[in-house]
C-alpha atoms as a PDB file:
ATOM      1  CA  MET A   1     -19.368   0.899  30.849  1.00  0.00           C
ATOM      2  CA  THR A   2     -22.987   1.038  29.907  1.00  0.00           C
ATOM      3  CA  GLY A   3     -24.296   3.689  27.587  1.00  0.00           C
ATOM      4  CA  TYR A   4     -26.775   4.641  24.924  1.00  0.00           C
ATOM      5  CA  GLY A   5     -26.512   6.829  21.859  1.00  0.00           C
ATOM      6  CA  HIS A   6     -28.854   7.789  19.063  1.00  0.00           C
ATOM      7  CA  GLY A   7     -28.223   9.611  15.813  1.00  0.00           C
ATOM      8  CA  GLU A   8     -30.526  10.565  12.936  1.00  0.00           C
ATOM      9  CA  ILE A   9     -29.785  12.061   9.567  1.00  0.00           C
ATOM     10  CA  ASP A  10     -32.332  13.025   6.937  1.00  0.00           C
ATOM     11  CA  HIS A  11     -31.082  12.546   3.386  1.00  0.00           C
ATOM     12  CA  GLY A  12     -33.182  12.882   0.263  1.00  0.00           C
ATOM     13  CA  GLY A  13     -36.518  12.042   1.874  1.00  0.00           C
ATOM     14  CA  THR A  14     -35.092   9.102   3.833  1.00  0.00           C
ATOM     15  CA  LYS A  15     -34.243   9.288   7.516  1.00  0.00           C
ATOM     16  CA  PHE A  16     -31.323   7.122   8.636  1.00  0.00           C
ATOM     17  CA  SER A  17     -31.339   6.287  12.323  1.00  0.00           C
ATOM     18  CA  VAL A  18     -28.568   4.598  14.329  1.00  0.00           C
ATOM     19  CA  GLU A  19     -29.090   3.408  17.904  1.00  0.00           C
ATOM     20  CA  LEU A  20     -26.207   2.139  20.020  1.00  0.00           C
ATOM     21  CA  ASN A  21     -26.257   0.626  23.455  1.00  0.00           C
ATOM     22  CA  SER A  22     -23.377  -0.940  25.296  1.00  0.00           C
ATOM     23  CA  VAL A  23     -22.811  -2.949  28.429  1.00  0.00           C
ATOM     24  CA  ASN A  24     -19.576  -3.649  30.237  1.00  0.00           C
ATOM     25  CA  ARG A  25     -17.459  -6.577  29.036  1.00  0.00           C
ATOM     26  CA  LYS A  26     -13.712  -7.229  29.064  1.00  0.00           C
ATOM     27  CA  GLN A  27     -13.543  -7.837  25.330  1.00  0.00           C
ATOM     28  CA  SER A  28     -15.198  -6.120  22.389  1.00  0.00           C
ATOM     29  CA  ASP A  29     -18.371  -7.676  21.028  1.00  0.00           C
ATOM     30  CA  ILE A  30     -20.357  -5.815  18.370  1.00  0.00           C
ATOM     31  CA  VAL A  31     -23.785  -6.983  17.208  1.00  0.00           C
ATOM     32  CA  ILE A  32     -25.144  -5.117  14.187  1.00  0.00           C
ATOM     33  CA  ASN A  33     -28.705  -5.158  12.819  1.00  0.00           C
ATOM     34  CA  LEU A  34     -29.066  -3.566   9.388  1.00  0.00           C
ATOM     35  CA  PRO A  35     -31.742  -3.367   6.712  1.00  0.00           C
ATOM     36  CA  ARG A  36     -30.995  -5.803   3.882  1.00  0.00           C
ATOM     37  CA  ASP A  37     -30.138  -2.988   1.439  1.00  0.00           C
ATOM     38  CA  LEU A  38     -27.426  -1.731   3.789  1.00  0.00           C
ATOM     39  CA  ALA A  39     -25.872  -5.091   4.725  1.00  0.00           C
ATOM     40  CA  GLU A  40     -22.649  -4.337   2.850  1.00  0.00           C
ATOM     41  CA  LEU A  41     -21.989  -1.435   5.251  1.00  0.00           C
ATOM     42  CA  GLU A  42     -21.447  -3.745   8.228  1.00  0.00           C
ATOM     43  CA  PRO A  43     -17.611  -3.836   7.981  1.00  0.00           C
ATOM     44  CA  ARG A  44     -17.462  -0.020   7.848  1.00  0.00           C
ATOM     45  CA  LEU A  45     -19.768   0.304  10.851  1.00  0.00           C
ATOM     46  CA  ARG A  46     -17.719  -2.263  12.766  1.00  0.00           C
ATOM     47  CA  GLN A  47     -14.454  -0.452  11.947  1.00  0.00           C
ATOM     48  CA  THR A  48     -15.800   2.957  13.008  1.00  0.00           C
ATOM     49  CA  ILE A  49     -17.096   1.516  16.278  1.00  0.00           C
ATOM     50  CA  ASN A  50     -13.809  -0.301  16.970  1.00  0.00           C
ATOM     51  CA  GLU A  51     -11.909   2.962  16.403  1.00  0.00           C
ATOM     52  CA  ASN A  52     -13.988   4.626  19.126  1.00  0.00           C
ATOM     53  CA  ILE A  53     -14.850   1.866  21.615  1.00  0.00           C
ATOM     54  CA  SER A  54     -12.285  -0.679  22.750  1.00  0.00           C
ATOM     55  CA  ARG A  55     -14.365  -2.987  24.924  1.00  0.00           C
ATOM     56  CA  GLY A  56     -17.871  -3.996  25.917  1.00  0.00           C
ATOM     57  CA  ARG A  57     -20.824  -5.476  24.122  1.00  0.00           C
ATOM     58  CA  THR A  58     -22.224  -2.925  21.707  1.00  0.00           C
ATOM     59  CA  ASN A  59     -25.585  -3.426  20.024  1.00  0.00           C
ATOM     60  CA  VAL A  60     -26.149  -1.437  16.847  1.00  0.00           C
ATOM     61  CA  VAL A  61     -29.526  -0.977  15.151  1.00  0.00           C
ATOM     62  CA  VAL A  62     -29.660   0.902  11.861  1.00  0.00           C
ATOM     63  CA  THR A  63     -33.092   1.739  10.465  1.00  0.00           C
ATOM     64  CA  LEU A  64     -34.349   3.828   7.619  1.00  0.00           C
ATOM     65  CA  HIS A  65     -37.697   5.549   7.389  1.00  0.00           C
ATOM     66  CA  ASN A  66     -39.411   7.437   4.637  1.00  0.00           C
ATOM     67  CA  ASN A  67     -39.880  11.082   5.395  1.00  0.00           C
ATOM     68  CA  PRO A  68     -43.634  11.878   5.475  1.00  0.00           C
ATOM     69  CA  ASN A  69     -42.913  14.887   3.258  1.00  0.00           C
ATOM     70  CA  GLY A  70     -41.407  12.558   0.662  1.00  0.00           C
ATOM     71  CA  ALA A  71     -44.380  10.186   0.716  1.00  0.00           C
ATOM     72  CA  ARG A  72     -44.292   7.416  -1.841  1.00  0.00           C
ATOM     73  CA  PRO A  73     -47.321   6.791  -4.028  1.00  0.00           C
ATOM     74  CA  LEU A  74     -49.361   3.690  -3.379  1.00  0.00           C
ATOM     75  CA  ALA A  75     -48.915   0.968  -6.014  1.00  0.00           C
ATOM     76  CA  LEU A  76     -52.032  -0.761  -7.298  1.00  0.00           C
ATOM     77  CA  ASP A  77     -51.630  -4.076  -9.130  1.00  0.00           C
ATOM     78  CA  THR A  78     -54.682  -4.064 -11.394  1.00  0.00           C
ATOM     79  CA  GLU A  79     -53.781  -7.366 -13.079  1.00  0.00           C
ATOM     80  CA  LEU A  80     -53.590  -9.089  -9.712  1.00  0.00           C
ATOM     81  CA  ALA A  81     -56.877  -7.447  -8.661  1.00  0.00           C
ATOM     82  CA  ARG A  82     -58.538  -8.654 -11.864  1.00  0.00           C
ATOM     83  CA  SER A  83     -57.207 -12.160 -11.249  1.00  0.00           C
ATOM     84  CA  TYR A  84     -58.538 -12.175  -7.665  1.00  0.00           C
ATOM     85  CA  HIS A  85     -61.920 -10.892  -8.840  1.00  0.00           C
ATOM     86  CA  GLU A  86     -62.224 -13.576 -11.510  1.00  0.00           C
ATOM     87  CA  ALA A  87     -61.164 -16.297  -9.061  1.00  0.00           C
ATOM     88  CA  MET A  88     -63.697 -15.054  -6.509  1.00  0.00           C
ATOM     89  CA  ARG A  89     -66.502 -14.994  -9.085  1.00  0.00           C
ATOM     90  CA  SER A  90     -65.551 -18.464 -10.319  1.00  0.00           C
ATOM     91  CA  LEU A  91     -65.556 -19.823  -6.777  1.00  0.00           C
ATOM     92  CA  GLN A  92     -68.861 -18.110  -6.063  1.00  0.00           C
ATOM     93  CA  LYS A  93     -70.441 -19.813  -9.093  1.00  0.00           C
ATOM     94  CA  GLU A  94     -68.906 -23.189  -8.291  1.00  0.00           C
ATOM     95  CA  LEU A  95     -70.133 -23.090  -4.701  1.00  0.00           C
ATOM     96  CA  ASN A  96     -73.411 -21.440  -5.653  1.00  0.00           C
ATOM     97  CA  ALA A  97     -72.652 -18.992  -2.842  1.00  0.00           C
ATOM     98  CA  PRO A  98     -74.816 -15.911  -2.455  1.00  0.00           C
ATOM     99  CA  GLY A  99     -73.318 -12.514  -1.785  1.00  0.00           C
ATOM    100  CA  GLU A 100     -71.663  -9.626  -3.458  1.00  0.00           C
ATOM    101  CA  ILE A 101     -67.989  -9.305  -4.368  1.00  0.00           C
ATOM    102  CA  THR A 102     -67.173  -5.661  -3.742  1.00  0.00           C
ATOM    103  CA  ILE A 103     -64.195  -3.545  -4.681  1.00  0.00           C
ATOM    104  CA  SER A 104     -63.379  -3.434  -0.967  1.00  0.00           C
ATOM    105  CA  THR A 105     -63.068  -7.221  -0.922  1.00  0.00           C
ATOM    106  CA  VAL A 106     -60.725  -7.195  -3.921  1.00  0.00           C
ATOM    107  CA  LEU A 107     -58.605  -4.353  -2.536  1.00  0.00           C
ATOM    108  CA  GLN A 108     -58.057  -6.278   0.693  1.00  0.00           C
ATOM    109  CA  ALA A 109     -56.526  -9.229  -1.161  1.00  0.00           C
ATOM    110  CA  PRO A 110     -52.759  -9.614  -0.538  1.00  0.00           C
ATOM    111  CA  GLY A 111     -50.549  -7.666  -2.915  1.00  0.00           C
ATOM    112  CA  VAL A 112     -53.278  -5.662  -4.660  1.00  0.00           C
ATOM    113  CA  MET A 113     -52.428  -2.409  -2.857  1.00  0.00           C
ATOM    114  CA  ARG A 114     -48.928  -1.880  -1.532  1.00  0.00           C
ATOM    115  CA  PHE A 115     -46.178   0.648  -1.197  1.00  0.00           C
ATOM    116  CA  PRO A 116     -43.493   0.210  -3.823  1.00  0.00           C
ATOM    117  CA  GLU A 117     -40.324  -1.315  -2.426  1.00  0.00           C
ATOM    118  CA  GLN A 118     -37.792   1.224  -1.348  1.00  0.00           C
ATOM    119  CA  VAL A 119     -34.383   0.385  -2.713  1.00  0.00           C
ATOM    120  CA  VAL A 120     -31.464   2.130  -1.070  1.00  0.00           C
ATOM    121  CA  ASN A 121     -28.018   2.226  -2.612  1.00  0.00           C
ATOM    122  CA  ALA A 122     -25.662   1.397   0.264  1.00  0.00           C
ATOM    123  CA  GLU A 123     -22.738   3.305  -1.242  1.00  0.00           C
ATOM    124  CA  GLU A 124     -24.820   6.480  -1.594  1.00  0.00           C
ATOM    125  CA  ALA A 125     -26.310   5.988   1.873  1.00  0.00           C
ATOM    126  CA  TRP A 126     -22.942   5.520   3.643  1.00  0.00           C
ATOM    127  CA  PRO A 127     -22.184   9.226   4.284  1.00  0.00           C
ATOM    128  CA  SER A 128     -25.575   9.678   5.958  1.00  0.00           C
ATOM    129  CA  VAL A 129     -25.320   6.447   7.936  1.00  0.00           C
ATOM    130  CA  ASP A 130     -21.779   7.402   8.980  1.00  0.00           C
ATOM    131  CA  ARG A 131     -22.928  10.821  10.236  1.00  0.00           C
ATOM    132  CA  ALA A 132     -25.789   9.225  12.191  1.00  0.00           C
ATOM    133  CA  LEU A 133     -23.373   6.617  13.599  1.00  0.00           C
ATOM    134  CA  ARG A 134     -20.876   9.279  14.694  1.00  0.00           C
ATOM    135  CA  ALA A 135     -23.641  11.273  16.406  1.00  0.00           C
ATOM    136  CA  ALA A 136     -24.775   8.126  18.238  1.00  0.00           C
ATOM    137  CA  LEU A 137     -21.179   7.301  19.180  1.00  0.00           C
ATOM    138  CA  ALA A 138     -20.662  10.790  20.610  1.00  0.00           C
ATOM    139  CA  GLU A 139     -23.735  10.378  22.857  1.00  0.00           C
ATOM    140  CA  LEU A 140     -22.708   6.863  23.893  1.00  0.00           C
ATOM    141  CA  ILE A 141     -19.136   7.876  24.735  1.00  0.00           C
ATOM    142  CA  LYS A 142     -20.346  10.899  26.719  1.00  0.00           C
ATOM    143  CA  MET A 143     -22.673   8.644  28.734  1.00  0.00           C
ATOM    144  CA  ARG A 144     -19.887   6.105  29.351  1.00  0.00           C
ATOM    145  CA  GLU A 145     -17.515   8.858  30.509  1.00  0.00           C
ATOM    146  CA  ARG A 146     -20.162  10.181  32.889  1.00  0.00           C
ATOM    147  CA  GLU A 147     -20.628   6.687  34.326  1.00  0.00           C
ATOM    148  CA  GLY A 148     -16.846   6.324  34.643  1.00  0.00           C
ATOM    149  CA  ARG A 149     -16.615   9.542  36.665  1.00  0.00           C
ATOM    150  CA  HIS A 150     -19.363   8.306  39.004  1.00  0.00           C
ATOM    151  CA  LEU A 151     -17.600   4.967  39.439  1.00  0.00           C
ATOM    152  CA  ALA A 152     -14.291   6.731  40.148  1.00  0.00           C
ATOM    153  CA  LYS A 153     -15.946   8.879  42.848  1.00  0.00           C
ATOM    154  CA  ASP A 154     -17.504   5.792  44.383  1.00  0.00           C
ATOM    155  CA  LEU A 155     -14.184   3.908  44.399  1.00  0.00           C
ATOM    156  CA  ILE A 156     -12.336   6.849  45.962  1.00  0.00           C
ATOM    157  CA  HIS A 157     -15.033   7.119  48.636  1.00  0.00           C
ATOM    158  CA  ARG A 158     -14.756   3.390  49.393  1.00  0.00           C
ATOM    159  CA  LEU A 159     -10.925   3.529  49.487  1.00  0.00           C
ATOM    160  CA  LYS A 160     -11.074   6.374  51.990  1.00  0.00           C
ATOM    161  CA  ALA A 161     -13.511   4.355  54.098  1.00  0.00           C
ATOM    162  CA  ILE A 162     -11.128   1.376  54.118  1.00  0.00           C
END
């Protein structure tokens, strides 16, 4: 049966989102896409899905987003900015190039301004991911059951016609 399910859980300023979609297949085939920090959760996700869905191709996408209310400060690498500025001035002298090197130019250089990397502990994240997964599974199963009822009605109608 085909189906779709989505679950979201907000935990400590991070929103964990799980999207599931499935299509009909005789055997079970689960494809999971996870953020790198959560890669070790794949076997648990696979087990939970296998306990609830016995067949079909199921695509799983787990994402995490920072909550806007828990906004992270912007990181500024002043050493890197200084290095870029000096390199730009040196190149300007060497090429005898006119023009002004502005703070805007330096700030646009790669790596000068960035958001600090968000590191997520997979073990601490599991309860939230699990809750989001179970919510998505509930939606997916409900959709598959609804499709099954429609197929059953259609088959009964066709059998009566035969």
